[in-house]
Every structure is written in structure tokens, then in C-alpha cells.
N, C-alpha and C. Protein backbone atom coordinates (compact mmCIF):
# COMPACT_ATOMS: atom_id res chain seq x y z
N UNK A 1 187.97 180.29 27.35
CA UNK A 1 187.48 179.14 28.07
C UNK A 1 187.49 177.95 27.14
N UNK A 2 187.93 176.82 27.63
CA UNK A 2 187.98 175.63 26.80
C UNK A 2 186.68 174.87 26.90
N UNK A 3 186.43 174.04 25.92
CA UNK A 3 185.20 173.25 25.92
C UNK A 3 185.22 172.17 27.00
N UNK A 4 186.41 171.85 27.52
CA UNK A 4 186.49 170.82 28.55
C UNK A 4 186.01 171.32 29.91
N UNK A 5 185.85 172.65 30.09
CA UNK A 5 185.39 173.16 31.37
C UNK A 5 183.87 173.03 31.52
N UNK A 6 183.15 172.82 30.43
CA UNK A 6 181.69 172.64 30.48
C UNK A 6 181.36 171.17 30.35
N UNK A 7 180.41 170.67 31.14
CA UNK A 7 180.03 169.26 30.98
C UNK A 7 179.29 169.07 29.66
N UNK A 8 179.41 167.90 29.07
CA UNK A 8 178.67 167.62 27.84
C UNK A 8 177.17 167.76 28.08
N UNK A 9 176.37 168.04 27.04
CA UNK A 9 174.93 168.27 27.22
C UNK A 9 174.21 167.14 27.95
N UNK A 10 174.52 165.90 27.66
CA UNK A 10 173.87 164.78 28.34
C UNK A 10 174.21 164.75 29.82
N UNK A 11 175.45 165.02 30.14
CA UNK A 11 175.88 165.02 31.55
C UNK A 11 175.24 166.18 32.29
N UNK A 12 175.09 167.31 31.63
CA UNK A 12 174.47 168.47 32.27
C UNK A 12 173.04 168.14 32.69
N UNK A 13 172.30 167.43 31.83
CA UNK A 13 170.93 167.04 32.17
C UNK A 13 170.90 166.12 33.38
N UNK A 14 171.85 165.22 33.44
CA UNK A 14 171.92 164.30 34.58
C UNK A 14 172.22 165.08 35.86
N UNK A 15 173.16 166.00 35.79
CA UNK A 15 173.51 166.79 36.98
C UNK A 15 172.34 167.66 37.43
N UNK A 16 171.61 168.22 36.47
CA UNK A 16 170.44 169.03 36.82
C UNK A 16 169.35 168.16 37.45
N UNK A 17 169.16 166.97 36.93
CA UNK A 17 168.15 166.05 37.49
C UNK A 17 168.53 165.64 38.91
N UNK A 18 169.81 165.39 39.13
CA UNK A 18 170.28 165.04 40.48
C UNK A 18 170.06 166.21 41.44
N UNK A 19 170.33 167.41 40.98
CA UNK A 19 170.14 168.58 41.83
C UNK A 19 168.66 168.76 42.18
N UNK A 20 167.77 168.55 41.21
CA UNK A 20 166.33 168.65 41.47
C UNK A 20 165.88 167.58 42.47
N UNK A 21 166.38 166.36 42.30
CA UNK A 21 166.01 165.26 43.20
C UNK A 21 166.50 165.56 44.62
N UNK A 22 167.70 166.09 44.73
CA UNK A 22 168.25 166.41 46.05
C UNK A 22 167.42 167.50 46.73
N UNK A 23 167.02 168.53 45.99
CA UNK A 23 166.18 169.59 46.57
C UNK A 23 164.85 169.02 47.04
N UNK A 24 164.29 168.10 46.26
CA UNK A 24 163.00 167.52 46.61
C UNK A 24 163.10 166.71 47.90
N UNK A 25 164.17 165.95 48.04
CA UNK A 25 164.35 165.12 49.24
C UNK A 25 164.54 165.98 50.48
N UNK A 26 165.33 167.03 50.36
CA UNK A 26 165.65 167.84 51.54
C UNK A 26 164.63 168.92 51.83
N UNK A 27 163.64 169.09 50.97
CA UNK A 27 162.62 170.10 51.24
C UNK A 27 161.26 169.44 51.45
N UNK A 28 161.28 168.19 51.81
CA UNK A 28 160.04 167.48 52.10
C UNK A 28 159.33 168.09 53.29
N UNK A 29 158.01 168.18 53.24
CA UNK A 29 157.30 168.68 54.42
C UNK A 29 157.37 167.66 55.56
N UNK A 30 157.27 168.15 56.77
CA UNK A 30 157.30 167.27 57.93
C UNK A 30 156.04 166.41 57.96
N UNK A 31 156.14 165.19 58.46
CA UNK A 31 154.95 164.34 58.55
C UNK A 31 153.89 164.97 59.44
N UNK A 32 152.61 164.72 59.11
CA UNK A 32 151.52 165.33 59.88
C UNK A 32 151.03 164.46 61.02
N UNK A 33 150.88 163.17 60.80
CA UNK A 33 150.30 162.32 61.84
C UNK A 33 151.36 161.97 62.90
N UNK A 34 150.88 161.69 64.09
CA UNK A 34 151.78 161.31 65.18
C UNK A 34 152.54 160.04 64.82
N UNK A 35 151.86 159.10 64.19
CA UNK A 35 152.49 157.84 63.79
C UNK A 35 153.64 158.10 62.81
N UNK A 36 153.38 158.93 61.81
CA UNK A 36 154.40 159.23 60.81
C UNK A 36 155.56 160.01 61.41
N UNK A 37 155.27 160.91 62.34
CA UNK A 37 156.32 161.68 62.99
C UNK A 37 157.25 160.80 63.81
N UNK A 38 156.65 159.88 64.58
CA UNK A 38 157.47 158.98 65.39
C UNK A 38 158.28 158.04 64.49
N UNK A 39 157.67 157.55 63.44
CA UNK A 39 158.40 156.70 62.50
C UNK A 39 159.58 157.45 61.90
N UNK A 40 159.35 158.71 61.51
CA UNK A 40 160.42 159.55 60.97
C UNK A 40 161.54 159.72 61.99
N UNK A 41 161.17 160.05 63.23
CA UNK A 41 162.19 160.25 64.27
C UNK A 41 162.98 158.98 64.55
N UNK A 42 162.29 157.85 64.55
CA UNK A 42 162.99 156.58 64.79
C UNK A 42 163.96 156.25 63.68
N UNK A 43 163.59 156.53 62.44
CA UNK A 43 164.52 156.23 61.34
C UNK A 43 165.71 157.18 61.36
N UNK A 44 165.49 158.43 61.77
CA UNK A 44 166.61 159.38 61.84
C UNK A 44 167.52 159.10 63.02
N UNK A 45 166.94 158.69 64.15
CA UNK A 45 167.73 158.45 65.35
C UNK A 45 168.55 157.16 65.22
N UNK A 46 168.03 156.21 64.46
CA UNK A 46 168.70 154.91 64.26
C UNK A 46 169.06 154.26 65.60
N UNK A 47 168.13 154.35 66.53
CA UNK A 47 168.35 153.75 67.84
C UNK A 47 167.07 153.11 68.33
N UNK A 48 167.13 152.55 69.52
CA UNK A 48 165.94 151.90 70.08
C UNK A 48 164.89 152.91 70.51
N UNK A 49 163.67 152.42 70.69
CA UNK A 49 162.58 153.29 71.12
C UNK A 49 162.86 153.90 72.49
N UNK A 50 163.63 153.20 73.30
CA UNK A 50 163.96 153.72 74.63
C UNK A 50 164.72 155.04 74.53
N UNK A 51 165.67 155.13 73.60
CA UNK A 51 166.45 156.36 73.43
C UNK A 51 165.56 157.51 72.97
N UNK A 52 164.67 157.24 72.01
CA UNK A 52 163.77 158.28 71.53
C UNK A 52 162.82 158.71 72.65
N UNK A 53 162.33 157.76 73.42
CA UNK A 53 161.42 158.08 74.53
C UNK A 53 162.10 159.01 75.53
N UNK A 54 163.35 158.76 75.84
CA UNK A 54 164.08 159.61 76.77
C UNK A 54 164.24 161.02 76.21
N UNK A 55 164.52 161.12 74.93
CA UNK A 55 164.67 162.44 74.29
C UNK A 55 163.36 163.21 74.28
N UNK A 56 162.23 162.49 74.13
CA UNK A 56 160.92 163.14 74.06
C UNK A 56 160.30 163.35 75.44
N UNK A 57 160.85 162.67 76.45
CA UNK A 57 160.31 162.79 77.80
C UNK A 57 159.04 161.99 78.02
N UNK A 58 158.92 160.87 77.31
CA UNK A 58 157.77 159.97 77.46
C UNK A 58 158.30 158.57 77.70
N UNK A 59 157.40 157.63 77.98
CA UNK A 59 157.83 156.26 78.21
C UNK A 59 158.09 155.55 76.87
N UNK A 60 158.84 154.48 76.95
CA UNK A 60 159.12 153.65 75.77
C UNK A 60 157.81 153.13 75.19
N UNK A 61 156.91 152.73 76.07
CA UNK A 61 155.62 152.19 75.63
C UNK A 61 154.80 153.25 74.88
N UNK A 62 154.89 154.50 75.31
CA UNK A 62 154.18 155.57 74.61
C UNK A 62 154.70 155.73 73.19
N UNK A 63 156.01 155.67 73.02
CA UNK A 63 156.60 155.74 71.67
C UNK A 63 156.10 154.57 70.83
N UNK A 64 156.04 153.38 71.42
CA UNK A 64 155.56 152.21 70.69
C UNK A 64 154.08 152.36 70.31
N UNK A 65 153.30 152.99 71.18
CA UNK A 65 151.88 153.21 70.87
C UNK A 65 151.72 154.20 69.72
N UNK A 66 152.54 155.26 69.72
CA UNK A 66 152.50 156.20 68.59
C UNK A 66 152.88 155.49 67.30
N UNK A 67 153.93 154.69 67.36
CA UNK A 67 154.41 153.98 66.17
C UNK A 67 153.35 153.01 65.65
N UNK A 68 152.60 152.39 66.53
CA UNK A 68 151.56 151.44 66.13
C UNK A 68 150.28 152.14 65.68
N UNK A 69 150.20 153.46 65.91
CA UNK A 69 149.01 154.20 65.53
C UNK A 69 147.92 154.16 66.58
N UNK A 70 148.22 153.65 67.77
CA UNK A 70 147.23 153.58 68.85
C UNK A 70 146.95 154.95 69.46
N UNK A 71 147.96 155.83 69.44
CA UNK A 71 147.79 157.19 69.93
C UNK A 71 147.85 158.12 68.72
N UNK A 72 146.94 159.07 68.68
CA UNK A 72 146.91 159.97 67.53
C UNK A 72 147.09 161.42 67.92
N UNK A 73 146.98 161.74 69.21
CA UNK A 73 147.12 163.11 69.67
C UNK A 73 148.38 163.21 70.52
N UNK A 74 149.17 164.23 70.24
CA UNK A 74 150.37 164.44 71.04
C UNK A 74 149.99 164.89 72.44
N UNK A 75 150.78 164.49 73.39
CA UNK A 75 150.52 164.84 74.78
C UNK A 75 150.49 166.36 74.95
N UNK A 76 151.35 167.10 74.26
CA UNK A 76 151.38 168.56 74.40
C UNK A 76 150.08 169.17 73.90
N UNK A 77 149.47 168.61 72.86
CA UNK A 77 148.20 169.13 72.35
C UNK A 77 147.09 168.89 73.36
N UNK A 78 147.14 167.76 74.05
CA UNK A 78 146.12 167.45 75.05
C UNK A 78 146.23 168.42 76.22
N UNK A 79 147.46 168.69 76.67
CA UNK A 79 147.63 169.59 77.82
C UNK A 79 147.26 171.02 77.46
N UNK A 80 147.49 171.45 76.23
CA UNK A 80 147.11 172.81 75.81
C UNK A 80 145.60 172.97 75.75
N UNK A 81 144.89 171.91 75.36
CA UNK A 81 143.45 172.02 75.21
C UNK A 81 142.71 171.80 76.53
N UNK A 82 143.45 171.47 77.57
CA UNK A 82 142.82 171.24 78.88
C UNK A 82 142.25 169.85 79.02
N UNK A 83 142.55 168.97 78.07
CA UNK A 83 142.05 167.60 78.13
C UNK A 83 142.87 166.77 79.07
N UNK A 84 142.66 165.49 78.99
CA UNK A 84 143.42 164.59 79.84
C UNK A 84 142.53 163.89 80.81
N UNK A 85 142.57 164.30 82.07
CA UNK A 85 141.77 163.65 83.11
C UNK A 85 140.32 163.88 82.94
């Protein structure tokens, strides 16, 4: 094996650091709050709130309320607990 097949020691450290950073980014835990979850979904969808609302089965205004932090409980959690009306 030639020495050219191995990266130099400094480059190896950089590649290892990049690999660690990549693992950290892709293994992030999911957001906990409704506001953070909607914000995350909006940044991933890269579209208007109307498109996300259609995908979630809620109104555009509901998505905007989650994003603003006005709503803190997901509709599915309310229906499971028997809340609502």
C-alpha cells in the first residue's frame, strides 16, 4: 500500500470532524413543542402554510396559530383525551 492512499494526519482529523458533525445533524431529536414542530415542518416543506395545512388536514389559520405559539396542544391529543367541546 502506498502512502498516497491514506489521507495526511491533519486531513484525517478534518474528515473525522465532518463525519461527527454530519451524524449530529442527522440524529437530532424531533422538536417537542407544537410550535417547534410546525416550524420544522415549514422549513422542510419549503412551501406556504396552505400546503402544510392540506398535508396535515387542518386549516391554514391553524398552522399559523401553531407557528405563532397560540396553540400548544395537537388536535389529535385533544381528541384522544376526550377534550374539545
